[in-house]
Amino acid sequence: MKEHVDRAVKVRKEIRYWKLSQLMQYINKQALLKDEKKLNSDELMKVSLTLIKVYTVLRMAEVQRAELRIENANQGEIVIATMTMNKPRGPVDKTLNTAQDRTVCPIR
């Protein structure tokens, strides 16, 4: 039988593989396109899902079943919580903090 992963005690943190400066440059470019109304909502959604997938190194199924916790948004923190089903199994939390550049910051 499969083990019960919902009740796992230890929550793993995601490992970053991208240099944050490269990612921020790309986000800045996409934010400018959005501000100039050159991105429609479908393209913006594709960019957002791609950035989440690349940045958090999660598989798309894990992103789709992710839960967004915005209780601490006033303190500048949003948590994306999901569950990995492939090994290593268990819950994964990814914390997004406010960025210095206000044009690309999802937390306002």
Protein backbone atom coordinates (compact mmCIF):
# COMPACT_ATOMS: atom_id res chain seq x y z
CA MET A 1 0.00 0.00 0.00
CA LYS A 2 1.02 3.57 -0.53
CA GLU A 3 2.03 5.49 2.52
CA HIS A 4 -0.11 8.37 3.74
CA VAL A 5 1.72 11.46 2.55
CA ASP A 6 -0.86 13.97 3.76
CA ARG A 7 0.18 13.42 7.35
CA ALA A 8 3.91 13.65 6.73
CA VAL A 9 5.67 15.52 9.50
CA LYS A 10 8.52 17.09 7.56
CA VAL A 11 7.78 19.73 4.91
CA ARG A 12 10.51 20.05 2.29
CA LYS A 13 11.67 23.40 0.98
CA GLU A 14 12.30 23.83 -2.74
CA ILE A 15 15.83 24.13 -4.08
CA ARG A 16 16.58 27.04 -6.43
CA TYR A 17 18.34 26.24 -9.69
CA TRP A 18 18.02 29.60 -11.45
CA LYS A 19 20.09 32.69 -10.81
CA LEU A 20 17.64 35.20 -9.41
CA SER A 21 19.11 38.07 -11.45
CA GLN A 22 18.32 36.28 -14.74
CA LEU A 23 14.81 35.48 -13.59
CA MET A 24 14.17 39.06 -12.45
CA GLN A 25 15.34 40.43 -15.82
CA TYR A 26 12.89 38.15 -17.61
CA ILE A 27 10.04 39.09 -15.25
CA ASN A 28 10.84 42.79 -15.74
CA LYS A 29 10.64 42.39 -19.51
CA GLN A 30 7.29 40.58 -19.28
CA ALA A 31 5.93 43.16 -16.81
CA LEU A 32 6.78 45.97 -19.22
CA LEU A 33 4.97 44.15 -22.03
CA LYS A 34 1.95 43.78 -19.75
CA ASP A 35 2.01 47.47 -18.84
CA GLU A 36 2.18 48.40 -22.53
CA LYS A 37 -0.86 46.16 -23.16
CA LYS A 38 1.13 43.89 -25.50
CA LEU A 39 0.29 40.74 -23.52
CA ASN A 40 -3.24 39.38 -23.46
CA SER A 41 -4.57 37.41 -20.50
CA ASP A 42 -3.76 33.99 -22.04
CA GLU A 43 -0.14 34.96 -22.71
CA LEU A 44 0.17 36.40 -19.22
CA MET A 45 -1.18 33.17 -17.71
CA LYS A 46 1.30 31.12 -19.77
CA VAL A 47 4.19 33.32 -18.63
CA SER A 48 3.08 33.08 -14.99
CA LEU A 49 2.74 29.28 -15.03
CA THR A 50 6.09 28.93 -16.81
CA LEU A 51 7.81 31.13 -14.24
CA ILE A 52 6.26 29.19 -11.36
CA LYS A 53 7.33 25.91 -12.93
CA VAL A 54 10.88 27.07 -13.67
CA TYR A 55 11.40 28.88 -10.40
CA THR A 56 10.02 26.26 -8.04
CA VAL A 57 11.19 23.17 -9.99
CA LEU A 58 7.78 21.59 -9.46
CA ARG A 59 6.06 19.41 -12.00
CA MET A 60 2.96 20.86 -13.65
CA ALA A 61 0.60 18.48 -11.83
CA GLU A 62 2.02 19.69 -8.53
CA VAL A 63 1.51 23.31 -9.56
CA GLN A 64 -2.09 22.56 -10.55
CA ARG A 65 -2.94 21.07 -7.16
CA ALA A 66 -1.06 23.78 -5.28
CA GLU A 67 -2.74 25.82 -2.57
CA LEU A 68 -2.10 29.56 -2.28
CA ARG A 69 -1.82 30.84 1.30
CA ILE A 70 -2.12 34.61 1.51
CA GLU A 71 -2.70 35.02 5.24
CA ASN A 72 0.66 36.81 5.66
CA ALA A 73 0.36 38.99 2.54
CA ASN A 74 0.32 42.10 4.74
CA GLN A 75 3.78 41.14 6.03
CA GLY A 76 5.00 40.66 2.44
CA GLU A 77 4.82 36.88 2.22
CA ILE A 78 2.80 34.43 0.11
CA VAL A 79 3.20 30.65 0.47
CA ILE A 80 2.55 28.13 -2.31
CA ALA A 81 1.87 24.73 -0.72
CA THR A 82 1.67 21.53 -2.75
CA MET A 83 2.18 17.79 -2.44
CA THR A 84 4.71 15.73 -4.39
CA MET A 85 3.54 12.24 -5.27
CA ASN A 86 6.77 10.97 -6.82
CA LYS A 87 9.72 10.17 -4.62
CA PRO A 88 10.57 11.87 -2.37
CA ARG A 89 6.90 12.15 -1.42
CA GLY A 90 5.41 14.67 0.89
CA PRO A 91 4.35 18.28 1.28
CA VAL A 92 6.37 21.13 -0.23
CA ASP A 93 6.13 24.81 0.74
CA LYS A 94 7.49 27.62 -1.43
CA THR A 95 7.56 31.11 0.07
CA LEU A 96 7.35 34.22 -2.11
CA ASN A 97 8.56 37.45 -0.49
CA THR A 98 8.19 41.05 -1.64
CA ALA A 99 10.69 42.18 -4.27
CA GLN A 100 12.60 45.44 -4.26
CA ASP A 101 11.28 46.29 -7.74
CA ARG A 102 7.60 47.17 -7.27
CA THR A 103 6.70 46.66 -10.97
CA VAL A 104 7.23 42.90 -10.80
CA CYS A 105 6.21 42.21 -7.22
CA PRO A 106 3.09 40.02 -6.88
CA ILE A 107 2.71 41.08 -3.24
CA ARG A 108 1.52 44.67 -2.87
